[in-house]
Amino acid sequence: MLGPGLALESSYCRHAPSSRLRPGDLVIKSSGGAGDREVLIFDRWTGGDRTAYWAYQQRRGYGTDHLVLRAGLASGSGHHGCRPFHVHEDQVG
């Protein structure tokens, strides 16, 4: 049985392996206390080795940051990738 957070999450996105994250995917840590849980919006990889990525993170009192992270890439981190349903790539240019 899914916990309330995972049940809600599964209603709007599907699992995406960290190695296959695409712009607009989410990196989610849904366990732990309020200070531990987070949702990041994946932007792009920093390089071909895929060891770090650019993401958007919004924090109370700080606003929105665009920063380089490694969160969710190591097994056991508690983070996982999530690809929202009904979001489609739009070819720009």
PDB file of N, CA and C in Angstrom:
ATOM      1  N   MET A   1       0.841  -1.185   0.000  1.00  0.00           N
ATOM      2  CA  MET A   1       0.000   0.000   0.000  1.00  0.00           C
ATOM      3  C   MET A   1       0.883   1.244   0.000  1.00  0.00           C
ATOM      4  N   LEU A   2       0.532   2.202  -0.810  1.00  0.00           N
ATOM      5  CA  LEU A   2       1.281   3.448  -0.896  1.00  0.00           C
ATOM      6  C   LEU A   2       0.904   4.380   0.240  1.00  0.00           C
ATOM      7  N   GLY A   3       1.913   5.098   0.772  1.00  0.00           N
ATOM      8  CA  GLY A   3       1.634   6.124   1.761  1.00  0.00           C
ATOM      9  C   GLY A   3       0.944   7.295   1.087  1.00  0.00           C
ATOM     10  N   PRO A   4       0.382   8.238   1.852  1.00  0.00           N
ATOM     11  CA  PRO A   4      -0.367   9.351   1.260  1.00  0.00           C
ATOM     12  C   PRO A   4       0.454  10.177   0.285  1.00  0.00           C
ATOM     13  N   GLY A   5       1.728  10.438   0.605  1.00  0.00           N
ATOM     14  CA  GLY A   5       2.566  11.233  -0.290  1.00  0.00           C
ATOM     15  C   GLY A   5       2.836  10.528  -1.599  1.00  0.00           C
ATOM     16  N   LEU A   6       3.144   9.222  -1.543  1.00  0.00           N
ATOM     17  CA  LEU A   6       3.421   8.477  -2.768  1.00  0.00           C
ATOM     18  C   LEU A   6       2.169   8.263  -3.596  1.00  0.00           C
ATOM     19  N   ALA A   7       1.022   8.078  -2.951  1.00  0.00           N
ATOM     20  CA  ALA A   7      -0.225   7.915  -3.691  1.00  0.00           C
ATOM     21  C   ALA A   7      -0.548   9.193  -4.463  1.00  0.00           C
ATOM     22  N   LEU A   8      -0.377  10.335  -3.838  1.00  0.00           N
ATOM     23  CA  LEU A   8      -0.614  11.609  -4.509  1.00  0.00           C
ATOM     24  C   LEU A   8       0.379  11.789  -5.654  1.00  0.00           C
ATOM     25  N   GLU A   9       1.639  11.498  -5.378  1.00  0.00           N
ATOM     26  CA  GLU A   9       2.679  11.644  -6.387  1.00  0.00           C
ATOM     27  C   GLU A   9       2.391  10.777  -7.613  1.00  0.00           C
ATOM     28  N   SER A  10       1.964   9.535  -7.407  1.00  0.00           N
ATOM     29  CA  SER A  10       1.706   8.635  -8.530  1.00  0.00           C
ATOM     30  C   SER A  10       0.510   9.079  -9.367  1.00  0.00           C
ATOM     31  N   SER A  11      -0.303   9.999  -8.850  1.00  0.00           N
ATOM     32  CA  SER A  11      -1.441  10.480  -9.623  1.00  0.00           C
ATOM     33  C   SER A  11      -1.037  11.572 -10.621  1.00  0.00           C
ATOM     34  N   TYR A  12       0.155  12.160 -10.481  1.00  0.00           N
ATOM     35  CA  TYR A  12       0.546  13.210 -11.418  1.00  0.00           C
ATOM     36  C   TYR A  12       1.884  12.982 -12.101  1.00  0.00           C
ATOM     37  N   CYS A  13       2.601  11.897 -11.764  1.00  0.00           N
ATOM     38  CA  CYS A  13       3.866  11.649 -12.450  1.00  0.00           C
ATOM     39  C   CYS A  13       4.227  10.165 -12.400  1.00  0.00           C
ATOM     40  N   ARG A  14       5.184   9.800 -13.227  1.00  0.00           N
ATOM     41  CA  ARG A  14       5.686   8.425 -13.244  1.00  0.00           C
ATOM     42  C   ARG A  14       7.180   8.442 -12.954  1.00  0.00           C
ATOM     43  N   HIS A  15       7.689   7.346 -12.457  1.00  0.00           N
ATOM     44  CA  HIS A  15       9.100   7.227 -12.103  1.00  0.00           C
ATOM     45  C   HIS A  15       9.984   7.456 -13.332  1.00  0.00           C
ATOM     46  N   ALA A  16      11.073   8.178 -13.127  1.00  0.00           N
ATOM     47  CA  ALA A  16      12.065   8.410 -14.176  1.00  0.00           C
ATOM     48  C   ALA A  16      13.436   8.127 -13.568  1.00  0.00           C
ATOM     49  N   PRO A  17      14.191   7.187 -14.120  1.00  0.00           N
ATOM     50  CA  PRO A  17      15.530   6.911 -13.579  1.00  0.00           C
ATOM     51  C   PRO A  17      16.394   8.172 -13.595  1.00  0.00           C
ATOM     52  N   SER A  18      17.193   8.355 -12.567  1.00  0.00           N
ATOM     53  CA  SER A  18      18.034   9.547 -12.468  1.00  0.00           C
ATOM     54  C   SER A  18      18.898   9.743 -13.709  1.00  0.00           C
ATOM     55  N   SER A  19      19.403   8.669 -14.270  1.00  0.00           N
ATOM     56  CA  SER A  19      20.294   8.771 -15.432  1.00  0.00           C
ATOM     57  C   SER A  19      19.569   9.259 -16.685  1.00  0.00           C
ATOM     58  N   ARG A  20      18.220   9.245 -16.664  1.00  0.00           N
ATOM     59  CA  ARG A  20      17.446   9.643 -17.845  1.00  0.00           C
ATOM     60  C   ARG A  20      16.611  10.897 -17.618  1.00  0.00           C
ATOM     61  N   LEU A  21      16.979  11.700 -16.630  1.00  0.00           N
ATOM     62  CA  LEU A  21      16.231  12.932 -16.367  1.00  0.00           C
ATOM     63  C   LEU A  21      16.283  13.855 -17.575  1.00  0.00           C
ATOM     64  N   ARG A  22      15.164  14.533 -17.830  1.00  0.00           N
ATOM     65  CA  ARG A  22      15.052  15.496 -18.921  1.00  0.00           C
ATOM     66  C   ARG A  22      14.560  16.825 -18.358  1.00  0.00           C
ATOM     67  N   PRO A  23      14.778  17.931 -19.081  1.00  0.00           N
ATOM     68  CA  PRO A  23      14.301  19.226 -18.601  1.00  0.00           C
ATOM     69  C   PRO A  23      12.811  19.168 -18.256  1.00  0.00           C
ATOM     70  N   GLY A  24      12.471  19.695 -17.083  1.00  0.00           N
ATOM     71  CA  GLY A  24      11.088  19.697 -16.615  1.00  0.00           C
ATOM     72  C   GLY A  24      10.749  18.539 -15.704  1.00  0.00           C
ATOM     73  N   ASP A  25      11.606  17.508 -15.667  1.00  0.00           N
ATOM     74  CA  ASP A  25      11.372  16.409 -14.731  1.00  0.00           C
ATOM     75  C   ASP A  25      11.584  16.916 -13.311  1.00  0.00           C
ATOM     76  N   LEU A  26      11.066  16.184 -12.367  1.00  0.00           N
ATOM     77  CA  LEU A  26      11.200  16.539 -10.958  1.00  0.00           C
ATOM     78  C   LEU A  26      12.145  15.571 -10.269  1.00  0.00           C
ATOM     79  N   VAL A  27      12.885  16.064  -9.303  1.00  0.00           N
ATOM     80  CA  VAL A  27      13.680  15.225  -8.408  1.00  0.00           C
ATOM     81  C   VAL A  27      13.037  15.417  -7.042  1.00  0.00           C
ATOM     82  N   ILE A  28      12.504  14.328  -6.482  1.00  0.00           N
ATOM     83  CA  ILE A  28      11.678  14.416  -5.278  1.00  0.00           C
ATOM     84  C   ILE A  28      12.274  13.609  -4.142  1.00  0.00           C
ATOM     85  N   LYS A  29      12.271  14.199  -2.968  1.00  0.00           N
ATOM     86  CA  LYS A  29      12.538  13.467  -1.732  1.00  0.00           C
ATOM     87  C   LYS A  29      11.290  13.664  -0.881  1.00  0.00           C
ATOM     88  N   SER A  30      10.485  12.607  -0.753  1.00  0.00           N
ATOM     89  CA  SER A  30       9.196  12.736  -0.075  1.00  0.00           C
ATOM     90  C   SER A  30       9.205  12.177   1.341  1.00  0.00           C
ATOM     91  N   SER A  31      10.341  11.699   1.799  1.00  0.00           N
ATOM     92  CA  SER A  31      10.401  11.144   3.154  1.00  0.00           C
ATOM     93  C   SER A  31      11.124  12.099   4.094  1.00  0.00           C
ATOM     94  N   GLY A  32      10.915  11.883   5.382  1.00  0.00           N
ATOM     95  CA  GLY A  32      11.561  12.719   6.385  1.00  0.00           C
ATOM     96  C   GLY A  32      10.674  13.859   6.830  1.00  0.00           C
ATOM     97  N   GLY A  33      11.226  14.703   7.664  1.00  0.00           N
ATOM     98  CA  GLY A  33      10.493  15.847   8.185  1.00  0.00           C
ATOM     99  C   GLY A  33      10.419  16.972   7.175  1.00  0.00           C
ATOM    100  N   ALA A  34       9.728  18.033   7.556  1.00  0.00           N
ATOM    101  CA  ALA A  34       9.524  19.174   6.657  1.00  0.00           C
ATOM    102  C   ALA A  34      10.843  19.756   6.161  1.00  0.00           C
ATOM    103  N   GLY A  35      11.878  19.713   6.967  1.00  0.00           N
ATOM    104  CA  GLY A  35      13.173  20.243   6.567  1.00  0.00           C
ATOM    105  C   GLY A  35      13.956  19.325   5.648  1.00  0.00           C
ATOM    106  N   ASP A  36      13.506  18.082   5.501  1.00  0.00           N
ATOM    107  CA  ASP A  36      14.194  17.099   4.654  1.00  0.00           C
ATOM    108  C   ASP A  36      13.549  16.915   3.294  1.00  0.00           C
ATOM    109  N   ARG A  37      12.224  17.048   3.232  1.00  0.00           N
ATOM    110  CA  ARG A  37      11.500  16.814   1.977  1.00  0.00           C
ATOM    111  C   ARG A  37      11.761  17.967   1.008  1.00  0.00           C
ATOM    112  N   GLU A  38      11.799  17.624  -0.287  1.00  0.00           N
ATOM    113  CA  GLU A  38      11.999  18.674  -1.286  1.00  0.00           C
ATOM    114  C   GLU A  38      11.560  18.200  -2.662  1.00  0.00           C
ATOM    115  N   VAL A  39      11.287  19.174  -3.510  1.00  0.00           N
ATOM    116  CA  VAL A  39      10.991  18.926  -4.918  1.00  0.00           C
ATOM    117  C   VAL A  39      11.850  19.900  -5.714  1.00  0.00           C
ATOM    118  N   LEU A  40      12.642  19.363  -6.615  1.00  0.00           N
ATOM    119  CA  LEU A  40      13.507  20.163  -7.469  1.00  0.00           C
ATOM    120  C   LEU A  40      13.038  20.012  -8.906  1.00  0.00           C
ATOM    121  N   ILE A  41      13.160  21.056  -9.701  1.00  0.00           N
ATOM    122  CA  ILE A  41      12.834  20.974 -11.122  1.00  0.00           C
ATOM    123  C   ILE A  41      14.146  20.841 -11.884  1.00  0.00           C
ATOM    124  N   PHE A  42      14.305  19.712 -12.535  1.00  0.00           N
ATOM    125  CA  PHE A  42      15.525  19.434 -13.299  1.00  0.00           C
ATOM    126  C   PHE A  42      15.579  20.337 -14.522  1.00  0.00           C
ATOM    127  N   ASP A  43      16.754  20.947 -14.765  1.00  0.00           N
ATOM    128  CA  ASP A  43      16.940  21.806 -15.927  1.00  0.00           C
ATOM    129  C   ASP A  43      17.807  21.109 -16.976  1.00  0.00           C
ATOM    130  N   ARG A  44      19.044  20.775 -16.603  1.00  0.00           N
ATOM    131  CA  ARG A  44      19.959  20.139 -17.556  1.00  0.00           C
ATOM    132  C   ARG A  44      21.169  19.574 -16.814  1.00  0.00           C
ATOM    133  N   TRP A  45      21.850  18.648 -17.456  1.00  0.00           N
ATOM    134  CA  TRP A  45      23.080  18.088 -16.903  1.00  0.00           C
ATOM    135  C   TRP A  45      24.203  19.100 -17.046  1.00  0.00           C
ATOM    136  N   THR A  46      25.157  19.080 -16.118  1.00  0.00           N
ATOM    137  CA  THR A  46      26.299  19.992 -16.220  1.00  0.00           C
ATOM    138  C   THR A  46      27.309  19.497 -17.236  1.00  0.00           C
ATOM    139  N   GLY A  47      27.303  18.195 -17.517  1.00  0.00           N
ATOM    140  CA  GLY A  47      28.239  17.618 -18.489  1.00  0.00           C
ATOM    141  C   GLY A  47      27.814  16.218 -18.883  1.00  0.00           C
ATOM    142  N   GLY A  48      28.559  15.651 -19.812  1.00  0.00           N
ATOM    143  CA  GLY A  48      28.234  14.333 -20.333  1.00  0.00           C
ATOM    144  C   GLY A  48      28.367  13.204 -19.330  1.00  0.00           C
ATOM    145  N   ASP A  49      29.106  13.442 -18.246  1.00  0.00           N
ATOM    146  CA  ASP A  49      29.282  12.379 -17.252  1.00  0.00           C
ATOM    147  C   ASP A  49      28.068  12.227 -16.328  1.00  0.00           C
ATOM    148  N   ARG A  50      27.149  13.181 -16.373  1.00  0.00           N
ATOM    149  CA  ARG A  50      25.892  13.148 -15.609  1.00  0.00           C
ATOM    150  C   ARG A  50      26.112  12.908 -14.107  1.00  0.00           C
ATOM    151  N   THR A  51      27.072  13.623 -13.551  1.00  0.00           N
ATOM    152  CA  THR A  51      27.328  13.522 -12.117  1.00  0.00           C
ATOM    153  C   THR A  51      26.745  14.699 -11.345  1.00  0.00           C
ATOM    154  N   ALA A  52      26.282  15.722 -12.051  1.00  0.00           N
ATOM    155  CA  ALA A  52      25.658  16.888 -11.419  1.00  0.00           C
ATOM    156  C   ALA A  52      24.717  17.528 -12.442  1.00  0.00           C
ATOM    157  N   TYR A  53      23.778  18.317 -11.947  1.00  0.00           N
ATOM    158  CA  TYR A  53      22.782  18.923 -12.832  1.00  0.00           C
ATOM    159  C   TYR A  53      22.360  20.294 -12.322  1.00  0.00           C
ATOM    160  N   TRP A  54      21.838  21.090 -13.243  1.00  0.00           N
ATOM    161  CA  TRP A  54      21.233  22.371 -12.907  1.00  0.00           C
ATOM    162  C   TRP A  54      19.781  22.112 -12.555  1.00  0.00           C
ATOM    163  N   ALA A  55      19.297  22.768 -11.501  1.00  0.00           N
ATOM    164  CA  ALA A  55      17.904  22.609 -11.087  1.00  0.00           C
ATOM    165  C   ALA A  55      17.388  23.915 -10.499  1.00  0.00           C
ATOM    166  N   TYR A  56      16.072  24.023 -10.484  1.00  0.00           N
ATOM    167  CA  TYR A  56      15.405  25.144  -9.820  1.00  0.00           C
ATOM    168  C   TYR A  56      14.888  24.643  -8.482  1.00  0.00           C
ATOM    169  N   GLN A  57      15.120  25.453  -7.454  1.00  0.00           N
ATOM    170  CA  GLN A  57      14.668  25.109  -6.108  1.00  0.00           C
ATOM    171  C   GLN A  57      14.089  26.359  -5.465  1.00  0.00           C
ATOM    172  N   GLN A  58      12.908  26.234  -4.912  1.00  0.00           N
ATOM    173  CA  GLN A  58      12.287  27.365  -4.231  1.00  0.00           C
ATOM    174  C   GLN A  58      12.267  27.066  -2.743  1.00  0.00           C
ATOM    175  N   ARG A  59      12.731  28.052  -1.944  1.00  0.00           N
ATOM    176  CA  ARG A  59      12.783  27.875  -0.494  1.00  0.00           C
ATOM    177  C   ARG A  59      12.138  29.073   0.181  1.00  0.00           C
ATOM    178  N   ARG A  60      11.409  28.772   1.244  1.00  0.00           N
ATOM    179  CA  ARG A  60      10.777  29.862   2.006  1.00  0.00           C
ATOM    180  C   ARG A  60      11.825  30.859   2.469  1.00  0.00           C
ATOM    181  N   GLY A  61      11.524  32.112   2.268  1.00  0.00           N
ATOM    182  CA  GLY A  61      12.406  33.167   2.736  1.00  0.00           C
ATOM    183  C   GLY A  61      13.603  33.435   1.835  1.00  0.00           C
ATOM    184  N   TYR A  62      13.840  32.584   0.833  1.00  0.00           N
ATOM    185  CA  TYR A  62      14.993  32.758  -0.045  1.00  0.00           C
ATOM    186  C   TYR A  62      14.607  32.996  -1.489  1.00  0.00           C
ATOM    187  N   GLY A  63      13.400  32.618  -1.865  1.00  0.00           N
ATOM    188  CA  GLY A  63      12.987  32.741  -3.259  1.00  0.00           C
ATOM    189  C   GLY A  63      13.405  31.519  -4.053  1.00  0.00           C
ATOM    190  N   THR A  64      13.581  31.702  -5.351  1.00  0.00           N
ATOM    191  CA  THR A  64      13.927  30.599  -6.243  1.00  0.00           C
ATOM    192  C   THR A  64      15.391  30.694  -6.634  1.00  0.00           C
ATOM    193  N   ASP A  65      16.086  29.563  -6.512  1.00  0.00           N
ATOM    194  CA  ASP A  65      17.499  29.474  -6.884  1.00  0.00           C
ATOM    195  C   ASP A  65      17.644  28.587  -8.111  1.00  0.00           C
ATOM    196  N   HIS A  66      18.601  28.894  -8.946  1.00  0.00           N
ATOM    197  CA  HIS A  66      19.000  28.044 -10.068  1.00  0.00           C
ATOM    198  C   HIS A  66      20.410  27.603  -9.718  1.00  0.00           C
ATOM    199  N   LEU A  67      20.578  26.340  -9.352  1.00  0.00           N
ATOM    200  CA  LEU A  67      21.844  25.908  -8.810  1.00  0.00           C
ATOM    201  C   LEU A  67      22.240  24.526  -9.300  1.00  0.00           C
ATOM    202  N   VAL A  68      23.523  24.195  -9.108  1.00  0.00           N
ATOM    203  CA  VAL A  68      24.063  22.888  -9.472  1.00  0.00           C
ATOM    204  C   VAL A  68      23.935  21.973  -8.265  1.00  0.00           C
ATOM    205  N   LEU A  69      23.385  20.776  -8.512  1.00  0.00           N
ATOM    206  CA  LEU A  69      23.160  19.806  -7.434  1.00  0.00           C
ATOM    207  C   LEU A  69      23.604  18.417  -7.849  1.00  0.00           C
ATOM    208  N   ARG A  70      23.773  17.573  -6.837  1.00  0.00           N
ATOM    209  CA  ARG A  70      24.013  16.148  -7.037  1.00  0.00           C
ATOM    210  C   ARG A  70      22.931  15.324  -6.333  1.00  0.00           C
ATOM    211  N   ALA A  71      21.986  15.992  -5.681  1.00  0.00           N
ATOM    212  CA  ALA A  71      20.924  15.324  -4.912  1.00  0.00           C
ATOM    213  C   ALA A  71      20.164  14.347  -5.783  1.00  0.00           C
ATOM    214  N   GLY A  72      19.987  13.152  -5.262  1.00  0.00           N
ATOM    215  CA  GLY A  72      19.190  12.150  -5.947  1.00  0.00           C
ATOM    216  C   GLY A  72      19.958  11.257  -6.881  1.00  0.00           C
ATOM    217  N   LEU A  73      21.235  11.529  -7.095  1.00  0.00           N
ATOM    218  CA  LEU A  73      21.998  10.711  -8.027  1.00  0.00           C
ATOM    219  C   LEU A  73      22.621   9.489  -7.355  1.00  0.00           C
ATOM    220  N   ALA A  74      22.872   9.566  -6.066  1.00  0.00           N
ATOM    221  CA  ALA A  74      23.458   8.433  -5.347  1.00  0.00           C
ATOM    222  C   ALA A  74      22.351   7.528  -4.828  1.00  0.00           C
ATOM    223  N   SER A  75      22.549   6.221  -4.946  1.00  0.00           N
ATOM    224  CA  SER A  75      21.536   5.316  -4.417  1.00  0.00           C
ATOM    225  C   SER A  75      21.465   5.485  -2.903  1.00  0.00           C
ATOM    226  N   GLY A  76      20.271   5.363  -2.369  1.00  0.00           N
ATOM    227  CA  GLY A  76      20.072   5.526  -0.938  1.00  0.00           C
ATOM    228  C   GLY A  76      19.907   6.971  -0.493  1.00  0.00           C
ATOM    229  N   SER A  77      19.862   7.906  -1.437  1.00  0.00           N
ATOM    230  CA  SER A  77      19.733   9.323  -1.077  1.00  0.00           C
ATOM    231  C   SER A  77      18.311   9.677  -0.649  1.00  0.00           C
ATOM    232  N   GLY A  78      17.362   8.814  -1.000  1.00  0.00           N
ATOM    233  CA  GLY A  78      15.963   9.113  -0.698  1.00  0.00           C
ATOM    234  C   GLY A  78      15.284   9.931  -1.779  1.00  0.00           C
ATOM    235  N   HIS A  79      16.036  10.355  -2.774  1.00  0.00           N
ATOM    236  CA  HIS A  79      15.493  11.124  -3.898  1.00  0.00           C
ATOM    237  C   HIS A  79      15.164  10.174  -5.049  1.00  0.00           C
ATOM    238  N   HIS A  80      14.243  10.592  -5.885  1.00  0.00           N
ATOM    239  CA  HIS A  80      13.965   9.837  -7.101  1.00  0.00           C
ATOM    240  C   HIS A  80      13.444  10.785  -8.171  1.00  0.00           C
ATOM    241  N   GLY A  81      13.623  10.367  -9.404  1.00  0.00           N
ATOM    242  CA  GLY A  81      13.147  11.158 -10.533  1.00  0.00           C
ATOM    243  C   GLY A  81      11.676  10.907 -10.790  1.00  0.00           C
ATOM    244  N   CYS A  82      10.999  11.926 -11.283  1.00  0.00           N
ATOM    245  CA  CYS A  82       9.564  11.846 -11.540  1.00  0.00           C
ATOM    246  C   CYS A  82       9.261  12.651 -12.799  1.00  0.00           C
ATOM    247  N   ARG A  83       8.632  12.015 -13.780  1.00  0.00           N
ATOM    248  CA  ARG A  83       8.264  12.704 -15.028  1.00  0.00           C
ATOM    249  C   ARG A  83       6.770  12.999 -15.003  1.00  0.00           C
ATOM    250  N   PRO A  84       6.382  14.279 -14.939  1.00  0.00           N
ATOM    251  CA  PRO A  84       4.956  14.632 -14.879  1.00  0.00           C
ATOM    252  C   PRO A  84       4.186  14.129 -16.105  1.00  0.00           C
ATOM    253  N   PHE A  85       2.959  13.683 -15.865  1.00  0.00           N
ATOM    254  CA  PHE A  85       2.068  13.308 -16.961  1.00  0.00           C
ATOM    255  C   PHE A  85       1.648  14.575 -17.712  1.00  0.00           C
ATOM    256  N   HIS A  86       1.312  14.435 -18.950  1.00  0.00           N
ATOM    257  CA  HIS A  86       0.727  15.504 -19.777  1.00  0.00           C
ATOM    258  C   HIS A  86       1.658  16.698 -19.978  1.00  0.00           C
ATOM    259  N   VAL A  87       2.955  16.480 -19.849  1.00  0.00           N
ATOM    260  CA  VAL A  87       3.926  17.519 -20.186  1.00  0.00           C
ATOM    261  C   VAL A  87       4.670  17.017 -21.415  1.00  0.00           C
ATOM    262  N   HIS A  88       4.666  17.806 -22.468  1.00  0.00           N
ATOM    263  CA  HIS A  88       5.263  17.380 -23.724  1.00  0.00           C
ATOM    264  C   HIS A  88       6.337  18.355 -24.143  1.00  0.00           C
ATOM    265  N   GLU A  89       7.395  17.840 -24.755  1.00  0.00           N
ATOM    266  CA  GLU A  89       8.453  18.698 -25.244  1.00  0.00           C
ATOM    267  C   GLU A  89       7.957  19.525 -26.416  1.00  0.00           C
ATOM    268  N   ASP A  90       8.368  20.775 -26.456  1.00  0.00           N
ATOM    269  CA  ASP A  90       8.017  21.666 -27.533  1.00  0.00           C
ATOM    270  C   ASP A  90       9.311  22.039 -28.238  1.00  0.00           C
ATOM    271  N   GLN A  91       9.405  21.755 -29.496  1.00  0.00           N
ATOM    272  CA  GLN A  91      10.609  22.091 -30.262  1.00  0.00           C
ATOM    273  C   GLN A  91      10.681  23.602 -30.456  1.00  0.00           C
ATOM    274  N   VAL A  92      11.750  24.197 -29.943  1.00  0.00           N
ATOM    275  CA  VAL A  92      11.941  25.645 -30.028  1.00  0.00           C
ATOM    276  C   VAL A  92      12.857  25.944 -31.214  1.00  0.00           C
ATOM    277  N   GLY A  93      12.551  27.011 -31.900  1.00  0.00           N
ATOM    278  CA  GLY A  93      13.444  27.440 -32.967  1.00  0.00           C
ATOM    279  C   GLY A  93      12.903  27.123 -34.257  1.00  0.00           C
TER     280      GLY A  93
END
